[in-house]
Amino acid sequence: MADAKGTVGTEAEPHSDLSTHIPEPRPEGWLYKGYRVGGKEIWYASPKIQLLMVSFVCFLCPGMYNALSGLGGGGQVDGKVQDHASTALYSVFAVVAFFSGSVANKLGVKLTLGFGGLGYCIYSASLLCYNHTQNTGFVIFAGAFLGLCAGLLWTAQGAIMMSYPPEESKGRYISWFWIIFNLGAVIGSLIPLGQNVNNTGGTVTDGTYVGFIVLMVLGAALTFFLVNADKVVRDDGSKVIVMKNPTWQSELIGLWQCISLSPWVVALFPMFFASNIFYTYQQNGLNLAHFNVRARSLNNLLYWLAQIFGAVIFGYALDFHGIRRSLRAKISLGALFALTFVIWGGGYAWQRQQPPRAVSSDPAYESLKIDWTDPKFIGPMFLYIFYGFYDACWQTCIYWYMGALSNSGRRTANMAGFYKGLQSAGAAIFWRLDGLEVEYNTLFAATWAISAGSLLVAAPIIFYKIGDTTALEADLKYSDESPEDVIPTAALQEKRADV
């Protein structure tokens, strides 16, 4: 890795008004010292490196949480304790996330992510404790505390992923994040798979929980090596749009300004609400209800692996420069609609043949659950894989839609907060329904209907409000920054010369 000169790259940016063909020196200091890696120049405070670091934070914290949750019931025989903890988690998450954009804008993404990473290891520790003490109260408290932490972490992460990249690369940046994040769940899934390969019972071993706790602590520590958004410099020399002098008052007002500037964004809210309700039925109504622990562990691994393929396919397709951005948005919505009916239609064909919840929840049914040696394992295994693929496609598209509406770090932080708040409200409701032992057929039908209906509601904003580029003037509105603060000097002079 050779040391490189401290100049910005000269790659063309066809959808951005900020590009320039004139190399411009970056600021002084080690944060901006360039290095050549594989023919590309990178520096510490670049969007790529910062996104990479955030991806590994999510790899180690929520990625491992997903691996643990994907076992069904948090690795327990009885899924009720996870239902109660998840209800507490997403209820707190929904409230905190709505305001967490203001917190991220005031404190900066570094501190917001740092505090956000703490809750994950505590949650895993509570499940380890439950294995020995049956202390349900501790698990529920840990779930609620995780809701507070996750609301902050995911809002800061969303702001980074949507505002740091240039316009024409957002799909790829989202897919890169989703690959690394879900590799966390994939590798995390190998822990219970290896620990439980000979375990055909119901509860995972203590070693499984210890492994998750150690990895989550490392993820929380990694956040302290990030830089805040105002230090980030893109390849073309441009900077992220933030508030230079944020106050608690200005950032709370910013929540209202985000909606007032783009009131039609509420058409995306049903998609936000639907984006995490999948997990309740898939993890507990399918994986926990009908598979033994080692088959669940294998399904879990394949589910998160499928998410990587979904993110790659949709992320790169959304950045395909041969088609205008506005048309790509329309095509992506049509693809989501088709997948909703193909994959969930297959799920309906399988679910209608399953016994009622009262039967599958009976301890006597444990010995009848599907093992990976059973001939009937293959069909539902592939169904579970396609559910994972579908989830990644959905999440990738939502992030890309929001990123297509704004390049402002301030506005994207607020939109990420709205997204995570509504997402968590939906999850809280569905985990509560599962805790009330609503029939799995009902959970399946409600999930499918809300997913399909939300796409219809979102269609107008995707068809008519996502353009081929986003004007700088719109991004700077309700910010205390000017074009001189974010555009490279050469590009600004070139633009003024054209006028």
Protein backbone atom coordinates (compact mmCIF):
# COMPACT_ATOMS: atom_id res chain seq x y z
CA MET A 1 0.00 0.00 0.00
CA ALA A 2 1.90 3.01 -1.26
CA ASP A 3 1.54 6.53 0.01
CA ALA A 4 -0.30 8.78 -2.46
CA LYS A 5 -0.52 12.50 -2.97
CA GLY A 6 -3.20 14.38 -1.06
CA THR A 7 -5.44 15.29 -3.98
CA VAL A 8 -9.01 14.39 -4.67
CA GLY A 9 -9.89 11.86 -7.34
CA THR A 10 -11.09 12.83 -10.77
CA GLU A 11 -13.78 10.22 -11.43
CA ALA A 12 -16.72 11.59 -13.37
CA GLU A 13 -19.95 12.09 -11.44
CA PRO A 14 -22.64 12.34 -14.13
CA HIS A 15 -25.55 12.96 -11.76
CA SER A 16 -23.91 15.54 -9.50
CA ASP A 17 -23.45 19.30 -9.90
CA LEU A 18 -20.46 19.11 -7.55
CA SER A 19 -18.04 17.20 -9.74
CA THR A 20 -14.89 18.76 -11.12
CA HIS A 21 -12.09 17.57 -13.33
CA ILE A 22 -9.57 19.77 -11.51
CA PRO A 23 -7.75 17.95 -8.68
CA GLU A 24 -8.05 19.93 -5.47
CA PRO A 25 -5.89 19.46 -2.37
CA ARG A 26 -7.58 18.00 0.67
CA PRO A 27 -7.14 19.58 4.10
CA GLU A 28 -3.89 18.96 5.96
CA GLY A 29 -3.56 16.19 8.54
CA TRP A 30 -3.46 12.43 8.83
CA LEU A 31 -7.23 12.14 8.32
CA TYR A 32 -6.75 13.17 4.69
CA LYS A 33 -3.43 11.51 3.87
CA GLY A 34 -4.07 9.35 0.80
CA TYR A 35 -2.98 5.76 0.16
CA ARG A 36 -3.22 3.66 -2.97
CA VAL A 37 -5.05 0.36 -2.58
CA GLY A 38 -5.76 -1.68 -5.70
CA GLY A 39 -5.29 1.36 -7.93
CA LYS A 40 -7.76 3.46 -5.90
CA GLU A 41 -6.90 6.26 -3.51
CA ILE A 42 -8.39 6.18 -0.03
CA TRP A 43 -8.02 8.32 3.08
CA TYR A 44 -9.31 7.89 6.61
CA ALA A 45 -11.98 10.63 6.50
CA SER A 46 -13.36 9.48 3.13
CA PRO A 47 -16.92 8.20 2.65
CA LYS A 48 -15.68 4.71 1.74
CA ILE A 49 -13.54 4.23 4.87
CA GLN A 50 -16.16 5.70 7.19
CA LEU A 51 -18.90 3.55 5.67
CA LEU A 52 -16.63 0.52 5.97
CA MET A 53 -16.12 1.20 9.67
CA VAL A 54 -19.83 1.74 10.31
CA SER A 55 -20.51 -1.49 8.42
CA PHE A 56 -18.22 -3.38 10.79
CA VAL A 57 -19.89 -1.78 13.82
CA CYS A 58 -23.20 -3.11 12.51
CA PHE A 59 -21.50 -6.39 11.58
CA LEU A 60 -20.58 -6.90 15.23
CA CYS A 61 -23.62 -5.42 16.99
CA PRO A 62 -26.97 -5.65 15.15
CA GLY A 63 -25.52 -8.29 12.81
CA MET A 64 -24.90 -10.61 15.75
CA TYR A 65 -28.26 -9.64 17.25
CA ASN A 66 -29.92 -10.71 13.98
CA ALA A 67 -28.08 -14.04 14.10
CA LEU A 68 -29.28 -14.60 17.66
CA SER A 69 -32.86 -13.55 16.97
CA GLY A 70 -32.99 -15.57 13.79
CA LEU A 71 -32.72 -18.74 15.85
CA GLY A 72 -36.32 -18.10 16.90
CA GLY A 73 -37.12 -17.22 20.50
CA GLY A 74 -33.59 -15.82 20.99
CA GLY A 75 -32.32 -19.41 21.13
CA GLN A 76 -34.85 -20.49 23.80
CA VAL A 77 -37.39 -23.30 23.58
CA ASP A 78 -40.18 -20.95 24.61
CA GLY A 79 -40.35 -17.89 22.39
CA LYS A 80 -42.51 -15.89 24.84
CA VAL A 81 -39.58 -14.27 26.64
CA GLN A 82 -38.23 -12.95 23.34
CA ASP A 83 -41.72 -11.79 22.37
CA HIS A 84 -41.95 -9.69 25.55
CA ALA A 85 -38.40 -8.37 25.18
CA SER A 86 -38.93 -7.56 21.49
CA THR A 87 -42.17 -5.74 22.26
CA ALA A 88 -40.32 -3.60 24.83
CA LEU A 89 -37.39 -3.14 22.46
CA TYR A 90 -39.42 -1.93 19.49
CA SER A 91 -41.79 0.16 21.58
CA VAL A 92 -38.88 2.17 23.00
CA PHE A 93 -37.11 2.10 19.63
CA ALA A 94 -40.17 3.65 17.93
CA VAL A 95 -40.28 6.61 20.31
CA VAL A 96 -36.52 7.19 20.51
CA ALA A 97 -35.89 6.85 16.77
CA PHE A 98 -38.39 9.59 15.93
CA PHE A 99 -36.18 12.10 17.80
CA SER A 100 -32.82 10.40 17.25
CA GLY A 101 -32.16 12.34 14.06
CA SER A 102 -32.04 15.46 16.22
CA VAL A 103 -29.68 13.72 18.66
CA ALA A 104 -27.35 12.61 15.85
CA ASN A 105 -27.32 16.09 14.35
CA LYS A 106 -26.53 17.71 17.71
CA LEU A 107 -24.03 15.23 19.18
CA GLY A 108 -22.55 13.96 15.91
CA VAL A 109 -22.64 10.47 14.47
CA LYS A 110 -19.59 9.30 16.45
CA LEU A 111 -21.06 9.74 19.93
CA THR A 112 -24.51 8.64 18.76
CA LEU A 113 -23.15 5.38 17.37
CA GLY A 114 -20.93 4.86 20.43
CA PHE A 115 -23.82 4.95 22.87
CA GLY A 116 -25.98 3.00 20.44
CA GLY A 117 -23.61 0.02 20.45
CA LEU A 118 -23.87 -0.59 24.20
CA GLY A 119 -27.29 -2.21 24.31
CA TYR A 120 -26.53 -5.26 22.19
CA CYS A 121 -24.09 -7.02 24.51
CA ILE A 122 -26.38 -6.35 27.50
CA TYR A 123 -29.28 -7.98 25.66
CA SER A 124 -27.24 -11.10 24.87
CA ALA A 125 -26.07 -11.24 28.49
CA SER A 126 -29.69 -11.16 29.66
CA LEU A 127 -30.49 -14.27 27.60
CA LEU A 128 -27.45 -16.05 29.05
CA CYS A 129 -28.70 -15.09 32.51
CA TYR A 130 -32.18 -16.36 31.62
CA ASN A 131 -30.74 -19.78 30.76
CA HIS A 132 -29.84 -20.17 34.45
CA THR A 133 -32.19 -17.94 36.45
CA GLN A 134 -35.35 -17.64 34.30
CA ASN A 135 -35.21 -13.90 35.08
CA THR A 136 -37.76 -12.61 32.57
CA GLY A 137 -37.65 -9.07 33.99
CA PHE A 138 -33.96 -8.67 33.15
CA VAL A 139 -34.54 -9.79 29.57
CA ILE A 140 -37.42 -7.32 29.14
CA PHE A 141 -35.33 -4.49 30.65
CA ALA A 142 -32.43 -5.38 28.35
CA GLY A 143 -34.82 -5.33 25.41
CA ALA A 144 -36.09 -1.85 26.35
CA PHE A 145 -32.54 -0.53 26.84
CA LEU A 146 -31.56 -2.01 23.49
CA GLY A 147 -34.48 -0.14 21.95
CA LEU A 148 -32.98 3.13 23.22
CA CYS A 149 -29.51 2.25 21.94
CA ALA A 150 -30.63 0.80 18.61
CA GLY A 151 -32.73 3.86 17.83
CA LEU A 152 -29.62 6.02 18.06
CA LEU A 153 -27.28 3.61 16.28
CA TRP A 154 -29.51 2.98 13.27
CA THR A 155 -30.37 6.64 12.76
CA ALA A 156 -26.70 7.63 12.71
CA GLN A 157 -25.92 4.71 10.41
CA GLY A 158 -28.71 5.68 8.03
CA ALA A 159 -27.51 9.28 7.86
CA ILE A 160 -23.98 8.11 6.99
CA MET A 161 -25.13 5.64 4.34
CA MET A 162 -27.47 8.10 2.60
CA SER A 163 -25.54 11.39 2.85
CA TYR A 164 -21.85 10.44 2.52
CA PRO A 165 -21.86 8.86 -0.98
CA PRO A 166 -22.22 10.85 -4.22
CA GLU A 167 -25.66 10.60 -5.84
CA GLU A 168 -24.75 8.08 -8.51
CA SER A 169 -23.13 5.63 -6.05
CA LYS A 170 -25.74 5.38 -3.30
CA GLY A 171 -27.05 1.98 -4.37
CA ARG A 172 -23.56 0.51 -4.31
CA TYR A 173 -22.75 2.04 -0.92
CA ILE A 174 -26.00 0.62 0.47
CA SER A 175 -25.19 -2.81 -0.95
CA TRP A 176 -21.64 -2.69 0.46
CA PHE A 177 -23.03 -1.88 3.88
CA TRP A 178 -25.66 -4.60 3.62
CA ILE A 179 -23.05 -7.19 2.56
CA ILE A 180 -20.78 -6.50 5.54
CA PHE A 181 -23.66 -6.06 7.99
CA ASN A 182 -25.23 -9.36 6.98
CA LEU A 183 -21.87 -11.11 6.97
CA GLY A 184 -22.08 -10.42 10.69
CA ALA A 185 -25.34 -12.34 10.84
CA VAL A 186 -23.89 -15.08 8.58
CA ILE A 187 -20.76 -15.53 10.69
CA GLY A 188 -22.80 -15.10 13.85
CA SER A 189 -25.08 -17.87 12.63
CA LEU A 190 -22.08 -20.18 12.37
CA ILE A 191 -21.62 -19.87 16.15
CA PRO A 192 -24.93 -21.51 17.10
CA LEU A 193 -24.67 -23.90 14.16
CA GLY A 194 -21.28 -25.14 15.35
CA GLN A 195 -22.33 -25.18 19.00
CA ASN A 196 -25.56 -27.03 18.29
CA VAL A 197 -24.69 -29.29 15.37
CA ASN A 198 -25.33 -32.34 17.57
CA ASN A 199 -28.06 -30.68 19.62
CA THR A 200 -31.55 -31.67 18.51
CA GLY A 201 -33.15 -30.13 21.60
CA GLY A 202 -34.54 -26.63 21.95
CA THR A 203 -32.18 -24.29 23.84
CA VAL A 204 -28.76 -23.14 22.57
CA THR A 205 -25.66 -23.57 24.75
CA ASP A 206 -24.05 -20.98 27.05
CA GLY A 207 -21.05 -20.80 24.75
CA THR A 208 -23.30 -19.45 22.01
CA TYR A 209 -24.32 -16.47 24.14
CA VAL A 210 -20.75 -15.83 25.36
CA GLY A 211 -19.53 -15.71 21.77
CA PHE A 212 -22.17 -13.14 20.87
CA ILE A 213 -21.38 -10.97 23.93
CA VAL A 214 -17.65 -10.77 23.13
CA LEU A 215 -18.25 -9.79 19.50
CA MET A 216 -20.83 -7.16 20.41
CA VAL A 217 -18.45 -5.50 22.90
CA LEU A 218 -15.85 -5.23 20.13
CA GLY A 219 -18.42 -3.59 17.85
CA ALA A 220 -19.30 -0.96 20.44
CA ALA A 221 -15.60 -0.15 20.94
CA LEU A 222 -15.04 0.33 17.20
CA THR A 223 -17.36 3.38 17.11
CA PHE A 224 -14.75 5.50 18.91
CA PHE A 225 -12.49 5.36 15.82
CA LEU A 226 -15.03 7.10 13.54
CA VAL A 227 -14.97 10.79 12.56
CA ASN A 228 -17.98 13.11 12.50
CA ALA A 229 -19.70 14.13 9.27
CA ASP A 230 -18.14 17.60 9.14
CA LYS A 231 -14.69 16.02 8.76
CA VAL A 232 -15.61 13.83 5.76
CA VAL A 233 -14.36 14.85 2.28
CA ARG A 234 -15.62 13.10 -0.86
CA ASP A 235 -13.57 12.14 -3.93
CA ASP A 236 -14.52 15.39 -5.70
CA GLY A 237 -13.61 17.51 -2.68
CA SER A 238 -17.21 18.21 -1.66
CA LYS A 239 -18.40 17.89 1.93
CA VAL A 240 -21.47 16.54 3.69
CA ILE A 241 -24.22 19.10 4.33
CA VAL A 242 -24.70 19.48 8.10
CA MET A 243 -25.57 22.23 10.56
CA LYS A 244 -22.38 24.09 11.50
CA ASN A 245 -23.82 25.31 14.81
CA PRO A 246 -26.59 22.90 15.84
CA THR A 247 -28.59 23.43 19.02
CA TRP A 248 -31.24 21.24 20.62
CA GLN A 249 -33.83 23.79 19.58
CA SER A 250 -32.65 23.97 15.97
CA GLU A 251 -32.60 20.20 15.63
CA LEU A 252 -36.06 19.67 17.12
CA ILE A 253 -37.35 22.34 14.76
CA GLY A 254 -35.49 20.45 12.02
CA LEU A 255 -37.85 17.51 12.47
CA TRP A 256 -40.77 19.69 11.43
CA GLN A 257 -38.77 21.34 8.67
CA CYS A 258 -37.94 17.94 7.18
CA ILE A 259 -41.63 17.14 6.83
CA SER A 260 -42.67 20.66 5.78
CA LEU A 261 -40.04 20.73 3.03
CA SER A 262 -41.21 17.38 1.63
CA PRO A 263 -44.70 16.63 3.00
CA TRP A 264 -45.24 13.93 0.40
CA VAL A 265 -42.55 11.81 2.11
CA VAL A 266 -45.34 10.51 4.36
CA ALA A 267 -46.34 8.29 1.42
CA LEU A 268 -43.27 6.19 2.29
CA PHE A 269 -44.38 5.77 5.91
CA PRO A 270 -46.39 2.55 5.28
CA MET A 271 -43.27 1.01 3.70
CA PHE A 272 -41.30 2.10 6.76
CA PHE A 273 -43.93 0.47 9.01
CA ALA A 274 -43.84 -2.78 7.04
CA SER A 275 -40.06 -3.10 6.87
CA ASN A 276 -39.55 -5.15 10.07
CA ILE A 277 -42.86 -6.88 10.56
CA PHE A 278 -41.61 -9.79 8.39
CA TYR A 279 -39.38 -11.08 11.16
CA THR A 280 -42.10 -12.05 13.62
CA TYR A 281 -43.77 -14.58 11.36
CA GLN A 282 -40.56 -15.73 9.65
CA GLN A 283 -38.49 -16.26 12.79
CA ASN A 284 -41.14 -17.50 15.22
CA GLY A 285 -44.08 -18.57 13.04
CA LEU A 286 -41.96 -20.55 10.62
CA ASN A 287 -38.44 -21.22 11.90
CA LEU A 288 -39.14 -21.66 15.63
CA ALA A 289 -42.53 -23.32 15.22
CA HIS A 290 -41.56 -26.03 12.76
CA PHE A 291 -37.78 -26.74 12.99
CA ASN A 292 -35.56 -28.16 15.73
CA VAL A 293 -32.62 -26.11 16.99
CA ARG A 294 -29.95 -27.31 14.58
CA ALA A 295 -32.26 -27.01 11.56
CA ARG A 296 -33.18 -23.50 12.78
CA SER A 297 -29.49 -22.66 13.00
CA LEU A 298 -28.90 -23.77 9.41
CA ASN A 299 -31.97 -21.89 8.17
CA ASN A 300 -30.72 -18.82 10.02
CA LEU A 301 -27.34 -19.00 8.26
CA LEU A 302 -28.93 -19.37 4.83
CA TYR A 303 -31.43 -16.56 5.51
CA TRP A 304 -28.74 -13.97 6.18
CA LEU A 305 -26.57 -15.27 3.34
CA ALA A 306 -29.51 -14.71 0.97
CA GLN A 307 -29.70 -11.11 2.20
CA ILE A 308 -26.23 -10.49 0.80
CA PHE A 309 -27.29 -11.60 -2.68
CA GLY A 310 -30.44 -9.49 -2.50
CA ALA A 311 -28.47 -6.37 -1.52
CA VAL A 312 -25.88 -6.88 -4.26
CA ILE A 313 -28.44 -7.42 -7.02
CA PHE A 314 -30.71 -4.51 -6.07
CA GLY A 315 -27.94 -2.15 -4.93
CA TYR A 316 -25.99 -2.35 -8.17
CA ALA A 317 -29.13 -2.35 -10.32
CA LEU A 318 -30.28 0.86 -8.63
CA ASP A 319 -27.00 2.51 -9.66
CA PHE A 320 -27.08 1.31 -13.28
CA HIS A 321 -26.15 4.44 -15.23
CA GLY A 322 -27.59 3.19 -18.52
CA ILE A 323 -31.07 4.05 -17.22
CA ARG A 324 -32.18 7.39 -15.77
CA ARG A 325 -32.54 7.46 -11.98
CA SER A 326 -36.25 8.29 -12.15
CA LEU A 327 -36.89 5.24 -14.34
CA ARG A 328 -34.78 3.00 -12.11
CA ALA A 329 -36.98 4.00 -9.18
CA LYS A 330 -40.13 2.95 -11.06
CA ILE A 331 -38.61 -0.37 -12.16
CA SER A 332 -37.47 -1.17 -8.61
CA LEU A 333 -40.99 -0.63 -7.27
CA GLY A 334 -42.39 -2.98 -9.91
CA ALA A 335 -39.77 -5.60 -8.99
CA LEU A 336 -40.68 -5.34 -5.30
CA PHE A 337 -44.36 -5.75 -6.12
CA ALA A 338 -43.66 -8.87 -8.20
CA LEU A 339 -41.46 -10.39 -5.48
CA THR A 340 -44.13 -9.69 -2.86
CA PHE A 341 -46.63 -11.88 -4.66
CA VAL A 342 -44.26 -14.57 -5.93
CA ILE A 343 -42.41 -15.23 -2.64
CA TRP A 344 -45.30 -14.67 -0.24
CA GLY A 345 -47.58 -16.60 -2.58
CA GLY A 346 -45.22 -19.56 -2.18
CA GLY A 347 -45.29 -18.96 1.56
CA TYR A 348 -49.06 -19.13 1.55
CA ALA A 349 -48.98 -22.50 -0.23
CA TRP A 350 -46.75 -23.85 2.55
CA GLN A 351 -48.38 -22.14 5.56
CA ARG A 352 -51.89 -23.36 4.75
CA GLN A 353 -50.72 -26.96 5.25
CA GLN A 354 -49.23 -26.42 8.73
CA PRO A 355 -50.91 -27.39 12.01
CA PRO A 356 -52.49 -24.68 14.18
CA ARG A 357 -50.40 -22.75 16.68
CA ALA A 358 -51.76 -24.69 19.64
CA VAL A 359 -50.30 -27.88 18.16
CA SER A 360 -46.90 -26.53 17.07
CA SER A 361 -46.43 -24.74 20.44
CA ASP A 362 -47.09 -27.89 22.47
CA PRO A 363 -43.87 -29.27 24.05
CA ALA A 364 -44.88 -32.69 22.76
CA TYR A 365 -44.50 -31.34 19.22
CA GLU A 366 -40.77 -30.71 19.72
CA SER A 367 -39.86 -34.26 18.71
CA LEU A 368 -41.93 -33.85 15.52
CA LYS A 369 -40.19 -30.69 14.36
CA ILE A 370 -38.29 -30.81 11.09
CA ASP A 371 -34.61 -31.79 11.19
CA TRP A 372 -32.20 -31.17 8.32
CA THR A 373 -32.10 -34.94 7.71
CA ASP A 374 -35.84 -35.02 6.98
CA PRO A 375 -36.87 -35.21 3.30
CA LYS A 376 -39.45 -32.45 3.90
CA PHE A 377 -36.72 -30.00 5.01
CA ILE A 378 -35.75 -28.79 1.51
CA GLY A 379 -38.96 -26.98 0.55
CA PRO A 380 -39.36 -24.73 3.61
CA MET A 381 -35.60 -24.21 3.71
CA PHE A 382 -35.70 -22.61 0.25
CA LEU A 383 -38.77 -20.61 1.25
CA TYR A 384 -36.85 -19.22 4.21
CA ILE A 385 -33.93 -18.35 1.91
CA PHE A 386 -36.25 -16.40 -0.40
CA TYR A 387 -37.72 -14.56 2.61
CA GLY A 388 -34.19 -13.37 3.46
CA PHE A 389 -33.58 -12.29 -0.15
CA TYR A 390 -36.86 -10.34 -0.13
CA ASP A 391 -36.04 -8.52 3.10
CA ALA A 392 -32.71 -7.26 1.71
CA CYS A 393 -34.37 -6.05 -1.50
CA TRP A 394 -36.98 -4.15 0.52
CA GLN A 395 -34.49 -2.47 2.86
CA THR A 396 -32.09 -1.58 0.03
CA CYS A 397 -34.86 0.09 -1.95
CA ILE A 398 -36.13 2.11 1.02
CA TYR A 399 -32.69 3.49 1.81
CA TRP A 400 -32.12 4.30 -1.87
CA TYR A 401 -35.50 6.06 -2.16
CA MET A 402 -34.68 8.25 0.84
CA GLY A 403 -31.18 8.95 -0.47
CA ALA A 404 -32.66 9.91 -3.84
CA LEU A 405 -34.83 12.53 -2.13
CA SER A 406 -31.94 14.31 -0.37
CA ASN A 407 -28.14 14.44 -0.08
CA SER A 408 -28.22 16.51 3.13
CA GLY A 409 -26.76 14.84 6.21
CA ARG A 410 -29.24 16.73 8.37
CA ARG A 411 -32.35 15.76 6.41
CA THR A 412 -31.28 12.15 5.88
CA ALA A 413 -30.68 11.79 9.65
CA ASN A 414 -34.24 12.95 10.28
CA MET A 415 -35.65 10.68 7.55
CA ALA A 416 -33.67 7.76 8.97
CA GLY A 417 -35.24 8.54 12.35
CA PHE A 418 -38.73 8.54 10.86
CA TYR A 419 -37.93 5.30 9.07
CA LYS A 420 -36.61 3.53 12.14
CA GLY A 421 -39.35 4.89 14.37
CA LEU A 422 -42.17 3.63 12.16
CA GLN A 423 -40.29 0.42 11.41
CA SER A 424 -40.01 -0.25 15.12
CA ALA A 425 -43.66 0.61 15.77
CA GLY A 426 -44.66 -2.05 13.25
CA ALA A 427 -42.27 -4.56 14.78
CA ALA A 428 -43.53 -3.82 18.32
CA ILE A 429 -47.14 -4.42 17.26
CA PHE A 430 -46.35 -7.70 15.53
CA TRP A 431 -44.13 -9.03 18.33
CA ARG A 432 -46.95 -8.19 20.72
CA LEU A 433 -49.43 -10.06 18.54
CA ASP A 434 -47.10 -13.05 18.66
CA GLY A 435 -46.85 -12.70 22.44
CA LEU A 436 -50.66 -12.81 22.58
CA GLU A 437 -50.44 -16.10 20.65
CA VAL A 438 -52.29 -14.88 17.59
CA GLU A 439 -52.54 -17.68 15.03
CA TYR A 440 -49.56 -17.93 12.67
CA ASN A 441 -51.96 -17.92 9.71
CA THR A 442 -53.22 -14.52 10.84
CA LEU A 443 -49.70 -13.12 11.29
CA PHE A 444 -48.80 -14.37 7.83
CA ALA A 445 -51.86 -12.81 6.19
CA ALA A 446 -51.41 -9.46 7.95
CA THR A 447 -47.72 -9.29 7.01
CA TRP A 448 -48.41 -10.06 3.35
CA ALA A 449 -51.32 -7.61 3.11
CA ILE A 450 -49.47 -4.70 4.73
CA SER A 451 -46.39 -5.26 2.58
CA ALA A 452 -48.38 -5.25 -0.65
CA GLY A 453 -50.59 -2.33 0.41
CA SER A 454 -47.63 -0.17 1.41
CA LEU A 455 -46.16 -0.45 -2.08
CA LEU A 456 -49.36 0.93 -3.58
CA VAL A 457 -49.32 3.89 -1.17
CA ALA A 458 -45.64 4.60 -1.95
CA ALA A 459 -46.10 4.46 -5.72
CA PRO A 460 -46.98 8.18 -6.24
CA ILE A 461 -43.86 9.51 -4.48
CA ILE A 462 -41.61 7.03 -6.30
CA PHE A 463 -43.19 7.75 -9.68
CA TYR A 464 -43.43 11.53 -9.43
CA LYS A 465 -40.99 12.84 -6.78
CA ILE A 466 -37.75 10.96 -7.45
CA GLY A 467 -35.96 12.85 -10.18
CA ASP A 468 -32.72 12.27 -12.06
CA THR A 469 -30.74 14.44 -9.62
CA THR A 470 -31.32 16.49 -6.45
CA ALA A 471 -30.75 20.26 -6.58
CA LEU A 472 -28.11 21.63 -4.22
CA GLU A 473 -30.43 24.50 -3.29
CA ALA A 474 -33.01 22.03 -1.97
CA ASP A 475 -30.40 20.21 0.12
CA LEU A 476 -29.12 23.45 1.64
CA LYS A 477 -32.59 24.67 2.60
CA TYR A 478 -33.09 24.82 6.41
CA SER A 479 -29.31 24.51 6.86
CA ASP A 480 -26.87 27.17 8.06
CA GLU A 481 -24.38 26.17 5.36
CA SER A 482 -23.80 27.83 1.99
CA PRO A 483 -22.53 26.44 -1.32
CA GLU A 484 -19.03 27.65 -0.38
CA ASP A 485 -19.07 25.32 2.65
CA VAL A 486 -19.74 22.12 0.70
CA ILE A 487 -18.68 22.59 -2.94
CA PRO A 488 -15.02 22.38 -3.97
CA THR A 489 -13.62 25.82 -4.73
CA ALA A 490 -12.73 24.98 -8.35
CA ALA A 491 -16.20 23.60 -9.04
CA LEU A 492 -17.84 26.66 -7.49
CA GLN A 493 -15.72 29.02 -9.60
CA GLU A 494 -16.48 26.98 -12.72
CA LYS A 495 -20.21 27.12 -11.98
CA ARG A 496 -20.11 30.91 -11.46
CA ALA A 497 -18.15 31.34 -14.69
CA ASP A 498 -20.89 29.49 -16.55
CA VAL A 499 -23.44 31.93 -15.13
